[in-house]
Amino acid sequence: NSLKREDTAVYYCAAVQSPLLLNICVLYPKEYEYW
C-alpha cells in the first residue's frame, strides 16, 4: 500500500526449508534456496 516511486523494481519471492528458519526469518538472499 501507499506505493512510492522508489518502490519500482522487479520483485522476487524465495523459499527455503530450514529448522533454523522455522520461527524466525531473515532477509539475506544467500539463505534462500528456491527463487
Full PDB file with SEQRES, HELIX, SHEET, SSBOND, CRYST1, ORIGX, SCALE, CONECT and MASTER records, all heavy atoms in Angstrom:
SEQRES   1 A   35  ASN SER LEU LYS ARG GLU ASP THR ALA VAL TYR TYR CYS          
SEQRES   2 A   35  ALA ALA VAL GLN SER PRO LEU LEU LEU ASN ILE CYS VAL          
SEQRES   3 A   35  LEU TYR PRO LYS GLU TYR GLU TYR TRP                          
HELIX    1 AA1 ARG A    5  ASP A    7  5                                   3    
HELIX    2 AA2 PRO A   19  LEU A   21  5                                   3    
HELIX    3 AA3 PRO A   29  GLU A   31  5                                   3    
CRYST1    1.000    1.000    1.000  90.00  90.00  90.00 P 1           1          
ORIGX1      1.000000  0.000000  0.000000        0.00000                         
ORIGX2      0.000000  1.000000  0.000000        0.00000                         
ORIGX3      0.000000  0.000000  1.000000        0.00000                         
SCALE1      1.000000  0.000000  0.000000        0.00000                         
SCALE2      0.000000  1.000000  0.000000        0.00000                         
SCALE3      0.000000  0.000000  1.000000        0.00000                         
ATOM      1  N   ASN A   1       0.837  -1.192   0.000  1.00  0.00           N  
ATOM      2  CA  ASN A   1       0.000   0.000   0.000  1.00  0.00           C  
ATOM      3  C   ASN A   1       0.874   1.244   0.000  1.00  0.00           C  
ATOM      4  O   ASN A   1       2.075   1.184   0.273  1.00  0.00           O  
ATOM      5  CB  ASN A   1      -0.906   0.001   1.228  1.00  0.00           C  
ATOM      6  CG  ASN A   1      -1.851  -1.187   1.271  1.00  0.00           C  
ATOM      7  OD1 ASN A   1      -2.296  -1.681   0.229  1.00  0.00           O  
ATOM      8  ND2 ASN A   1      -2.148  -1.662   2.470  1.00  0.00           N  
ATOM      9  N   SER A   2       0.254   2.372  -0.285  1.00  0.00           N  
ATOM     10  CA  SER A   2       0.961   3.661  -0.272  1.00  0.00           C  
ATOM     11  C   SER A   2       2.269   3.580  -1.054  1.00  0.00           C  
ATOM     12  O   SER A   2       3.328   3.996  -0.587  1.00  0.00           O  
ATOM     13  CB  SER A   2       1.238   4.093   1.167  1.00  0.00           C  
ATOM     14  OG  SER A   2       0.038   4.182   1.909  1.00  0.00           O  
ATOM     15  N   LEU A   3       2.181   3.040  -2.245  1.00  0.00           N  
ATOM     16  CA  LEU A   3       3.385   2.817  -3.040  1.00  0.00           C  
ATOM     17  C   LEU A   3       4.041   4.134  -3.431  1.00  0.00           C  
ATOM     18  O   LEU A   3       3.369   5.143  -3.687  1.00  0.00           O  
ATOM     19  CB  LEU A   3       3.044   1.984  -4.270  1.00  0.00           C  
ATOM     20  CG  LEU A   3       2.865   0.492  -3.964  1.00  0.00           C  
ATOM     21  CD1 LEU A   3       2.124  -0.200  -5.092  1.00  0.00           C  
ATOM     22  CD2 LEU A   3       4.207  -0.169  -3.731  1.00  0.00           C  
ATOM     23  N   LYS A   4       5.370   4.090  -3.474  1.00  0.00           N  
ATOM     24  CA  LYS A   4       6.173   5.241  -3.819  1.00  0.00           C  
ATOM     25  C   LYS A   4       6.977   4.937  -5.081  1.00  0.00           C  
ATOM     26  O   LYS A   4       7.195   3.780  -5.427  1.00  0.00           O  
ATOM     27  CB  LYS A   4       7.138   5.561  -2.677  1.00  0.00           C  
ATOM     28  CG  LYS A   4       6.485   5.755  -1.328  1.00  0.00           C  
ATOM     29  CD  LYS A   4       7.538   5.934  -0.241  1.00  0.00           C  
ATOM     30  CE  LYS A   4       6.899   6.079   1.123  1.00  0.00           C  
ATOM     31  NZ  LYS A   4       7.919   6.240   2.203  1.00  0.00           N  
ATOM     32  N   ARG A   5       7.442   5.979  -5.728  1.00  0.00           N  
ATOM     33  CA  ARG A   5       8.238   5.786  -6.937  1.00  0.00           C  
ATOM     34  C   ARG A   5       9.462   4.916  -6.656  1.00  0.00           C  
ATOM     35  O   ARG A   5       9.872   4.118  -7.498  1.00  0.00           O  
ATOM     36  CB  ARG A   5       8.647   7.121  -7.529  1.00  0.00           C  
ATOM     37  CG  ARG A   5       7.507   7.884  -8.183  1.00  0.00           C  
ATOM     38  CD  ARG A   5       7.979   9.180  -8.806  1.00  0.00           C  
ATOM     39  NE  ARG A   5       6.902   9.839  -9.539  1.00  0.00           N  
ATOM     40  CZ  ARG A   5       5.992  10.602  -8.990  1.00  0.00           C  
ATOM     41  NH1 ARG A   5       6.015  10.818  -7.692  1.00  0.00           N  
ATOM     42  NH2 ARG A   5       5.046  11.166  -9.734  1.00  0.00           N  
ATOM     43  N   GLU A   6      10.031   5.075  -5.481  1.00  0.00           N  
ATOM     44  CA  GLU A   6      11.222   4.305  -5.148  1.00  0.00           C  
ATOM     45  C   GLU A   6      10.944   2.822  -4.900  1.00  0.00           C  
ATOM     46  O   GLU A   6      11.875   2.049  -4.687  1.00  0.00           O  
ATOM     47  CB  GLU A   6      11.931   4.909  -3.929  1.00  0.00           C  
ATOM     48  CG  GLU A   6      11.037   5.152  -2.742  1.00  0.00           C  
ATOM     49  CD  GLU A   6      10.543   6.603  -2.685  1.00  0.00           C  
ATOM     50  OE1 GLU A   6      10.152   7.141  -3.745  1.00  0.00           O  
ATOM     51  OE2 GLU A   6      10.528   7.164  -1.578  1.00  0.00           O  
ATOM     52  N   ASP A   7       9.676   2.429  -4.922  1.00  0.00           N  
ATOM     53  CA  ASP A   7       9.338   1.003  -4.820  1.00  0.00           C  
ATOM     54  C   ASP A   7       9.428   0.306  -6.176  1.00  0.00           C  
ATOM     55  O   ASP A   7       9.289  -0.919  -6.258  1.00  0.00           O  
ATOM     56  CB  ASP A   7       7.925   0.823  -4.271  1.00  0.00           C  
ATOM     57  CG  ASP A   7       7.783   1.290  -2.835  1.00  0.00           C  
ATOM     58  OD1 ASP A   7       8.708   1.024  -2.040  1.00  0.00           O  
ATOM     59  OD2 ASP A   7       6.764   1.933  -2.516  1.00  0.00           O  
ATOM     60  N   THR A   8       9.669   1.069  -7.224  1.00  0.00           N  
ATOM     61  CA  THR A   8       9.791   0.492  -8.556  1.00  0.00           C  
ATOM     62  C   THR A   8      10.968  -0.469  -8.613  1.00  0.00           C  
ATOM     63  O   THR A   8      12.099  -0.111  -8.282  1.00  0.00           O  
ATOM     64  CB  THR A   8       9.966   1.599  -9.612  1.00  0.00           C  
ATOM     65  OG1 THR A   8       8.781   2.404  -9.646  1.00  0.00           O  
ATOM     66  CG2 THR A   8      10.222   1.013 -10.985  1.00  0.00           C  
ATOM     67  N   ALA A   9      10.681  -1.704  -9.022  1.00  0.00           N  
ATOM     68  CA  ALA A   9      11.712  -2.744  -9.065  1.00  0.00           C  
ATOM     69  C   ALA A   9      11.084  -4.033  -9.580  1.00  0.00           C  
ATOM     70  O   ALA A   9       9.857  -4.135  -9.704  1.00  0.00           O  
ATOM     71  CB  ALA A   9      12.300  -2.986  -7.673  1.00  0.00           C  
ATOM     72  N   VAL A  10      11.937  -4.998  -9.848  1.00  0.00           N  
ATOM     73  CA  VAL A  10      11.468  -6.371 -10.059  1.00  0.00           C  
ATOM     74  C   VAL A  10      11.418  -7.039  -8.694  1.00  0.00           C  
ATOM     75  O   VAL A  10      12.399  -6.994  -7.953  1.00  0.00           O  
ATOM     76  CB  VAL A  10      12.387  -7.149 -11.012  1.00  0.00           C  
ATOM     77  CG1 VAL A  10      11.894  -8.588 -11.168  1.00  0.00           C  
ATOM     78  CG2 VAL A  10      12.452  -6.459 -12.372  1.00  0.00           C  
ATOM     79  N   TYR A  11      10.277  -7.622  -8.377  1.00  0.00           N  
ATOM     80  CA  TYR A  11      10.079  -8.266  -7.088  1.00  0.00           C  
ATOM     81  C   TYR A  11      10.167  -9.774  -7.245  1.00  0.00           C  
ATOM     82  O   TYR A  11       9.537 -10.357  -8.134  1.00  0.00           O  
ATOM     83  CB  TYR A  11       8.723  -7.870  -6.505  1.00  0.00           C  
ATOM     84  CG  TYR A  11       8.727  -6.472  -5.926  1.00  0.00           C  
ATOM     85  CD1 TYR A  11       8.803  -5.357  -6.758  1.00  0.00           C  
ATOM     86  CD2 TYR A  11       8.681  -6.264  -4.555  1.00  0.00           C  
ATOM     87  CE1 TYR A  11       8.830  -4.069  -6.236  1.00  0.00           C  
ATOM     88  CE2 TYR A  11       8.703  -4.982  -4.014  1.00  0.00           C  
ATOM     89  CZ  TYR A  11       8.779  -3.895  -4.867  1.00  0.00           C  
ATOM     90  OH  TYR A  11       8.819  -2.629  -4.339  1.00  0.00           O  
ATOM     91  N   TYR A  12      10.930 -10.383  -6.361  1.00  0.00           N  
ATOM     92  CA  TYR A  12      11.145 -11.817  -6.374  1.00  0.00           C  
ATOM     93  C   TYR A  12      10.696 -12.427  -5.047  1.00  0.00           C  
ATOM     94  O   TYR A  12      10.891 -11.828  -3.992  1.00  0.00           O  
ATOM     95  CB  TYR A  12      12.628 -12.144  -6.544  1.00  0.00           C  
ATOM     96  CG  TYR A  12      13.262 -11.613  -7.796  1.00  0.00           C  
ATOM     97  CD1 TYR A  12      13.826 -10.343  -7.827  1.00  0.00           C  
ATOM     98  CD2 TYR A  12      13.333 -12.390  -8.952  1.00  0.00           C  
ATOM     99  CE1 TYR A  12      14.424  -9.849  -8.973  1.00  0.00           C  
ATOM    100  CE2 TYR A  12      13.936 -11.905 -10.105  1.00  0.00           C  
ATOM    101  CZ  TYR A  12      14.467 -10.633 -10.099  1.00  0.00           C  
ATOM    102  OH  TYR A  12      15.067 -10.155 -11.241  1.00  0.00           O  
ATOM    103  N   CYS A  13      10.142 -13.633  -5.115  1.00  0.00           N  
ATOM    104  CA  CYS A  13       9.945 -14.387  -3.891  1.00  0.00           C  
ATOM    105  C   CYS A  13      10.946 -15.536  -3.868  1.00  0.00           C  
ATOM    106  O   CYS A  13      11.419 -15.997  -4.923  1.00  0.00           O  
ATOM    107  CB  CYS A  13       8.518 -14.897  -3.747  1.00  0.00           C  
ATOM    108  SG  CYS A  13       7.997 -16.120  -4.960  1.00  0.00           S  
ATOM    109  N   ALA A  14      11.275 -15.953  -2.670  1.00  0.00           N  
ATOM    110  CA  ALA A  14      12.248 -17.014  -2.488  1.00  0.00           C  
ATOM    111  C   ALA A  14      11.835 -17.876  -1.304  1.00  0.00           C  
ATOM    112  O   ALA A  14      11.162 -17.394  -0.392  1.00  0.00           O  
ATOM    113  CB  ALA A  14      13.641 -16.428  -2.264  1.00  0.00           C  
ATOM    114  N   ALA A  15      12.247 -19.130  -1.340  1.00  0.00           N  
ATOM    115  CA  ALA A  15      11.836 -20.074  -0.304  1.00  0.00           C  
ATOM    116  C   ALA A  15      13.007 -20.917   0.162  1.00  0.00           C  
ATOM    117  O   ALA A  15      13.929 -21.223  -0.611  1.00  0.00           O  
ATOM    118  CB  ALA A  15      10.725 -20.979  -0.833  1.00  0.00           C  
ATOM    119  N   VAL A  16      12.959 -21.273   1.418  1.00  0.00           N  
ATOM    120  CA  VAL A  16      13.947 -22.199   1.972  1.00  0.00           C  
ATOM    121  C   VAL A  16      13.294 -22.954   3.118  1.00  0.00           C  
ATOM    122  O   VAL A  16      12.506 -22.401   3.875  1.00  0.00           O  
ATOM    123  CB  VAL A  16      15.216 -21.460   2.448  1.00  0.00           C  
ATOM    124  CG1 VAL A  16      14.905 -20.500   3.579  1.00  0.00           C  
ATOM    125  CG2 VAL A  16      16.296 -22.442   2.864  1.00  0.00           C  
ATOM    126  N   GLN A  17      13.647 -24.224   3.216  1.00  0.00           N  
ATOM    127  CA  GLN A  17      13.163 -25.033   4.339  1.00  0.00           C  
ATOM    128  C   GLN A  17      14.353 -25.317   5.231  1.00  0.00           C  
ATOM    129  O   GLN A  17      15.302 -25.990   4.822  1.00  0.00           O  
ATOM    130  CB  GLN A  17      12.541 -26.334   3.852  1.00  0.00           C  
ATOM    131  CG  GLN A  17      11.845 -27.120   4.968  1.00  0.00           C  
ATOM    132  CD  GLN A  17      11.165 -28.373   4.444  1.00  0.00           C  
ATOM    133  OE1 GLN A  17      11.683 -29.084   3.593  1.00  0.00           O  
ATOM    134  NE2 GLN A  17       9.966 -28.637   4.950  1.00  0.00           N  
ATOM    135  N   SER A  18      14.295 -24.765   6.431  1.00  0.00           N  
ATOM    136  CA  SER A  18      15.400 -24.914   7.369  1.00  0.00           C  
ATOM    137  C   SER A  18      14.851 -24.883   8.785  1.00  0.00           C  
ATOM    138  O   SER A  18      14.039 -24.019   9.116  1.00  0.00           O  
ATOM    139  CB  SER A  18      16.412 -23.783   7.189  1.00  0.00           C  
ATOM    140  OG  SER A  18      17.327 -23.765   8.267  1.00  0.00           O  
ATOM    141  N   PRO A  19      15.301 -25.810   9.627  1.00  0.00           N  
ATOM    142  CA  PRO A  19      14.855 -25.766  11.029  1.00  0.00           C  
ATOM    143  C   PRO A  19      15.258 -24.456  11.715  1.00  0.00           C  
ATOM    144  O   PRO A  19      14.604 -24.037  12.671  1.00  0.00           O  
ATOM    145  CB  PRO A  19      15.544 -26.980  11.672  1.00  0.00           C  
ATOM    146  CG  PRO A  19      16.650 -27.330  10.757  1.00  0.00           C  
ATOM    147  CD  PRO A  19      16.218 -26.926   9.393  1.00  0.00           C  
ATOM    148  N   LEU A  20      16.299 -23.807  11.218  1.00  0.00           N  
ATOM    149  CA  LEU A  20      16.731 -22.536  11.805  1.00  0.00           C  
ATOM    150  C   LEU A  20      15.782 -21.411  11.451  1.00  0.00           C  
ATOM    151  O   LEU A  20      15.767 -20.378  12.121  1.00  0.00           O  
ATOM    152  CB  LEU A  20      18.142 -22.192  11.316  1.00  0.00           C  
ATOM    153  CG  LEU A  20      19.242 -23.183  11.693  1.00  0.00           C  
ATOM    154  CD1 LEU A  20      20.574 -22.739  11.091  1.00  0.00           C  
ATOM    155  CD2 LEU A  20      19.350 -23.324  13.205  1.00  0.00           C  
ATOM    156  N   LEU A  21      14.993 -21.589  10.408  1.00  0.00           N  
ATOM    157  CA  LEU A  21      14.081 -20.536   9.957  1.00  0.00           C  
ATOM    158  C   LEU A  21      12.632 -20.942  10.143  1.00  0.00           C  
ATOM    159  O   LEU A  21      11.749 -20.487   9.421  1.00  0.00           O  
ATOM    160  CB  LEU A  21      14.371 -20.194   8.491  1.00  0.00           C  
ATOM    161  CG  LEU A  21      15.754 -19.631   8.214  1.00  0.00           C  
ATOM    162  CD1 LEU A  21      15.924 -19.340   6.732  1.00  0.00           C  
ATOM    163  CD2 LEU A  21      15.992 -18.368   9.028  1.00  0.00           C  
ATOM    164  N   LEU A  22      12.395 -21.795  11.139  1.00  0.00           N  
ATOM    165  CA  LEU A  22      11.015 -22.198  11.419  1.00  0.00           C  
ATOM    166  C   LEU A  22      10.286 -21.112  12.201  1.00  0.00           C  
ATOM    167  O   LEU A  22       9.111 -20.837  11.953  1.00  0.00           O  
ATOM    168  CB  LEU A  22      11.014 -23.508  12.202  1.00  0.00           C  
ATOM    169  CG  LEU A  22       9.677 -24.249  12.276  1.00  0.00           C  
ATOM    170  CD1 LEU A  22       9.177 -24.589  10.886  1.00  0.00           C  
ATOM    171  CD2 LEU A  22       9.819 -25.500  13.124  1.00  0.00           C  
ATOM    172  N   ASN A  23      10.979 -20.493  13.125  1.00  0.00           N  
ATOM    173  CA  ASN A  23      10.358 -19.473  13.968  1.00  0.00           C  
ATOM    174  C   ASN A  23      10.943 -18.079  13.780  1.00  0.00           C  
ATOM    175  O   ASN A  23      10.534 -17.148  14.459  1.00  0.00           O  
ATOM    176  CB  ASN A  23      10.477 -19.874  15.442  1.00  0.00           C  
ATOM    177  CG  ASN A  23       9.682 -21.137  15.731  1.00  0.00           C  
ATOM    178  OD1 ASN A  23       8.500 -21.239  15.385  1.00  0.00           O  
ATOM    179  ND2 ASN A  23      10.319 -22.110  16.342  1.00  0.00           N  
ATOM    180  N   ILE A  24      11.893 -17.954  12.897  1.00  0.00           N  
ATOM    181  CA  ILE A  24      12.407 -16.637  12.545  1.00  0.00           C  
ATOM    182  C   ILE A  24      12.545 -16.592  11.028  1.00  0.00           C  
ATOM    183  O   ILE A  24      12.389 -17.606  10.358  1.00  0.00           O  
ATOM    184  CB  ILE A  24      13.781 -16.345  13.194  1.00  0.00           C  
ATOM    185  CG1 ILE A  24      14.835 -17.316  12.645  1.00  0.00           C  
ATOM    186  CG2 ILE A  24      13.697 -16.412  14.708  1.00  0.00           C  
ATOM    187  CD1 ILE A  24      16.260 -16.928  13.034  1.00  0.00           C  
ATOM    188  N   CYS A  25      12.822 -15.440  10.497  1.00  0.00           N  
ATOM    189  CA  CYS A  25      13.162 -15.341   9.085  1.00  0.00           C  
ATOM    190  C   CYS A  25      14.200 -14.249   8.904  1.00  0.00           C  
ATOM    191  O   CYS A  25      14.370 -13.410   9.782  1.00  0.00           O  
ATOM    192  CB  CYS A  25      11.923 -15.077   8.218  1.00  0.00           C  
ATOM    193  SG  CYS A  25      11.149 -13.475   8.466  1.00  0.00           S  
ATOM    194  N   VAL A  26      14.903 -14.294   7.797  1.00  0.00           N  
ATOM    195  CA  VAL A  26      15.961 -13.348   7.536  1.00  0.00           C  
ATOM    196  C   VAL A  26      15.834 -12.833   6.110  1.00  0.00           C  
ATOM    197  O   VAL A  26      15.199 -13.447   5.263  1.00  0.00           O  
ATOM    198  CB  VAL A  26      17.356 -13.989   7.736  1.00  0.00           C  
ATOM    199  CG1 VAL A  26      17.560 -14.346   9.199  1.00  0.00           C  
ATOM    200  CG2 VAL A  26      17.534 -15.208   6.841  1.00  0.00           C  
ATOM    201  N   LEU A  27      16.476 -11.710   5.848  1.00  0.00           N  
ATOM    202  CA  LEU A  27      16.417 -11.110   4.514  1.00  0.00           C  
ATOM    203  C   LEU A  27      17.788 -11.129   3.850  1.00  0.00           C  
ATOM    204  O   LEU A  27      18.180 -10.156   3.214  1.00  0.00           O  
ATOM    205  CB  LEU A  27      15.857  -9.690   4.596  1.00  0.00           C  
ATOM    206  CG  LEU A  27      14.361  -9.607   4.888  1.00  0.00           C  
ATOM    207  CD1 LEU A  27      13.914  -8.156   5.014  1.00  0.00           C  
ATOM    208  CD2 LEU A  27      13.561 -10.318   3.809  1.00  0.00           C  
ATOM    209  N   TYR A  28      18.476 -12.249   3.998  1.00  0.00           N  
ATOM    210  CA  TYR A  28      19.746 -12.435   3.304  1.00  0.00           C  
ATOM    211  C   TYR A  28      19.493 -13.331   2.099  1.00  0.00           C  
ATOM    212  O   TYR A  28      19.173 -14.523   2.269  1.00  0.00           O  
ATOM    213  CB  TYR A  28      20.780 -13.064   4.223  1.00  0.00           C  
ATOM    214  CG  TYR A  28      21.016 -12.289   5.481  1.00  0.00           C  
ATOM    215  CD1 TYR A  28      20.861 -12.888   6.727  1.00  0.00           C  
ATOM    216  CD2 TYR A  28      21.393 -10.952   5.436  1.00  0.00           C  
ATOM    217  CE1 TYR A  28      21.072 -12.181   7.888  1.00  0.00           C  
ATOM    218  CE2 TYR A  28      21.606 -10.232   6.593  1.00  0.00           C  
ATOM    219  CZ  TYR A  28      21.441 -10.854   7.827  1.00  0.00           C  
ATOM    220  OH  TYR A  28      21.654 -10.147   8.974  1.00  0.00           O  
ATOM    221  N   PRO A  29      19.643 -12.864   0.889  1.00  0.00           N  
ATOM    222  CA  PRO A  29      19.326 -13.676  -0.291  1.00  0.00           C  
ATOM    223  C   PRO A  29      20.048 -15.027  -0.321  1.00  0.00           C  
ATOM    224  O   PRO A  29      19.478 -16.022  -0.764  1.00  0.00           O  
ATOM    225  CB  PRO A  29      19.768 -12.787  -1.452  1.00  0.00           C  
ATOM    226  CG  PRO A  29      19.641 -11.396  -0.931  1.00  0.00           C  
ATOM    227  CD  PRO A  29      20.033 -11.490   0.513  1.00  0.00           C  
ATOM    228  N   LYS A  30      21.264 -15.068   0.176  1.00  0.00           N  
ATOM    229  CA  LYS A  30      22.031 -16.308   0.082  1.00  0.00           C  
ATOM    230  C   LYS A  30      21.451 -17.424   0.945  1.00  0.00           C  
ATOM    231  O   LYS A  30      21.806 -18.592   0.765  1.00  0.00           O  
ATOM    232  CB  LYS A  30      23.479 -16.058   0.481  1.00  0.00           C  
ATOM    233  CG  LYS A  30      23.669 -15.678   1.940  1.00  0.00           C  
ATOM    234  CD  LYS A  30      25.136 -15.478   2.266  1.00  0.00           C  
ATOM    235  CE  LYS A  30      25.357 -15.153   3.734  1.00  0.00           C  
ATOM    236  NZ  LYS A  30      26.793 -14.992   4.051  1.00  0.00           N  
ATOM    237  N   GLU A  31      20.564 -17.096   1.859  1.00  0.00           N  
ATOM    238  CA  GLU A  31      19.961 -18.102   2.735  1.00  0.00           C  
ATOM    239  C   GLU A  31      18.812 -18.830   2.060  1.00  0.00           C  
ATOM    240  O   GLU A  31      18.329 -19.832   2.574  1.00  0.00           O  
ATOM    241  CB  GLU A  31      19.467 -17.451   4.025  1.00  0.00           C  
ATOM    242  CG  GLU A  31      20.551 -16.818   4.863  1.00  0.00           C  
ATOM    243  CD  GLU A  31      21.577 -17.814   5.343  1.00  0.00           C  
ATOM    244  OE1 GLU A  31      21.210 -18.981   5.590  1.00  0.00           O  
ATOM    245  OE2 GLU A  31      22.759 -17.433   5.463  1.00  0.00           O  
ATOM    246  N   TYR A  32      18.364 -18.347   0.911  1.00  0.00           N  
ATOM    247  CA  TYR A  32      17.195 -18.906   0.249  1.00  0.00           C  
ATOM    248  C   TYR A  32      17.608 -19.830  -0.896  1.00  0.00           C  
ATOM    249  O   TYR A  32      18.569 -19.557  -1.612  1.00  0.00           O  
ATOM    250  CB  TYR A  32      16.276 -17.784  -0.237  1.00  0.00           C  
ATOM    251  CG  TYR A  32      15.596 -17.103   0.922  1.00  0.00           C  
ATOM    252  CD1 TYR A  32      16.244 -16.109   1.645  1.00  0.00           C  
ATOM    253  CD2 TYR A  32      14.319 -17.485   1.320  1.00  0.00           C  
ATOM    254  CE1 TYR A  32      15.633 -15.510   2.739  1.00  0.00           C  
ATOM    255  CE2 TYR A  32      13.694 -16.886   2.404  1.00  0.00           C  
ATOM    256  CZ  TYR A  32      14.366 -15.901   3.109  1.00  0.00           C  
ATOM    257  OH  TYR A  32      13.756 -15.316   4.197  1.00  0.00           O  
ATOM    258  N   GLU A  33      16.848 -20.890  -1.045  1.00  0.00           N  
ATOM    259  CA  GLU A  33      17.224 -21.944  -1.993  1.00  0.00           C  
ATOM    260  C   GLU A  33      16.469 -21.855  -3.323  1.00  0.00           C  
ATOM    261  O   GLU A  33      17.052 -22.099  -4.375  1.00  0.00           O  
ATOM    262  CB  GLU A  33      16.955 -23.310  -1.354  1.00  0.00           C  
ATOM    263  CG  GLU A  33      17.397 -24.490  -2.193  1.00  0.00           C  
ATOM    264  CD  GLU A  33      17.249 -25.806  -1.438  1.00  0.00           C  
ATOM    265  OE1 GLU A  33      16.778 -25.784  -0.282  1.00  0.00           O  
ATOM    266  OE2 GLU A  33      17.607 -26.850  -2.013  1.00  0.00           O  
ATOM    267  N   TYR A  34      15.212 -21.529  -3.269  1.00  0.00           N  
ATOM    268  CA  TYR A  34      14.402 -21.507  -4.482  1.00  0.00           C  
ATOM    269  C   TYR A  34      13.944 -20.079  -4.763  1.00  0.00           C  
ATOM    270  O   TYR A  34      13.553 -19.351  -3.842  1.00  0.00           O  
ATOM    271  CB  TYR A  34      13.176 -22.414  -4.329  1.00  0.00           C  
ATOM    272  CG  TYR A  34      13.523 -23.829  -3.965  1.00  0.00           C  
ATOM    273  CD1 TYR A  34      13.324 -24.311  -2.675  1.00  0.00           C  
ATOM    274  CD2 TYR A  34      14.082 -24.682  -4.911  1.00  0.00           C  
ATOM    275  CE1 TYR A  34      13.657 -25.611  -2.335  1.00  0.00           C  
ATOM    276  CE2 TYR A  34      14.425 -25.981  -4.576  1.00  0.00           C  
ATOM    277  CZ  TYR A  34      14.213 -26.440  -3.284  1.00  0.00           C  
ATOM    278  OH  TYR A  34      14.555 -27.725  -2.952  1.00  0.00           O  
ATOM    279  N   TRP A  35      13.976 -19.719  -6.033  1.00  0.00           N  
ATOM    280  CA  TRP A  35      13.628 -18.354  -6.437  1.00  0.00           C  
ATOM    281  C   TRP A  35      12.647 -18.373  -7.590  1.00  0.00           C  
ATOM    282  O   TRP A  35      12.715 -19.241  -8.473  1.00  0.00           O  
ATOM    283  CB  TRP A  35      14.894 -17.599  -6.872  1.00  0.00           C  
ATOM    284  CG  TRP A  35      15.795 -17.259  -5.747  1.00  0.00           C  
ATOM    285  CD1 TRP A  35      16.713 -18.075  -5.141  1.00  0.00           C  
ATOM    286  CD2 TRP A  35      15.865 -16.006  -5.059  1.00  0.00           C  
ATOM    287  NE1 TRP A  35      17.344 -17.405  -4.120  1.00  0.00           N  
ATOM    288  CE2 TRP A  35      16.844 -16.129  -4.061  1.00  0.00           C  
ATOM    289  CE3 TRP A  35      15.196 -14.794  -5.197  1.00  0.00           C  
ATOM    290  CZ2 TRP A  35      17.173 -15.081  -3.191  1.00  0.00           C  
ATOM    291  CZ3 TRP A  35      15.525 -13.755  -4.350  1.00  0.00           C  
ATOM    292  CH2 TRP A  35      16.503 -13.894  -3.357  1.00  0.00           C  
TER     293      TRP A  35                                                      
MASTER        0    0    0    3    0    0    0    6  292    1    0    3          
END                                                                             
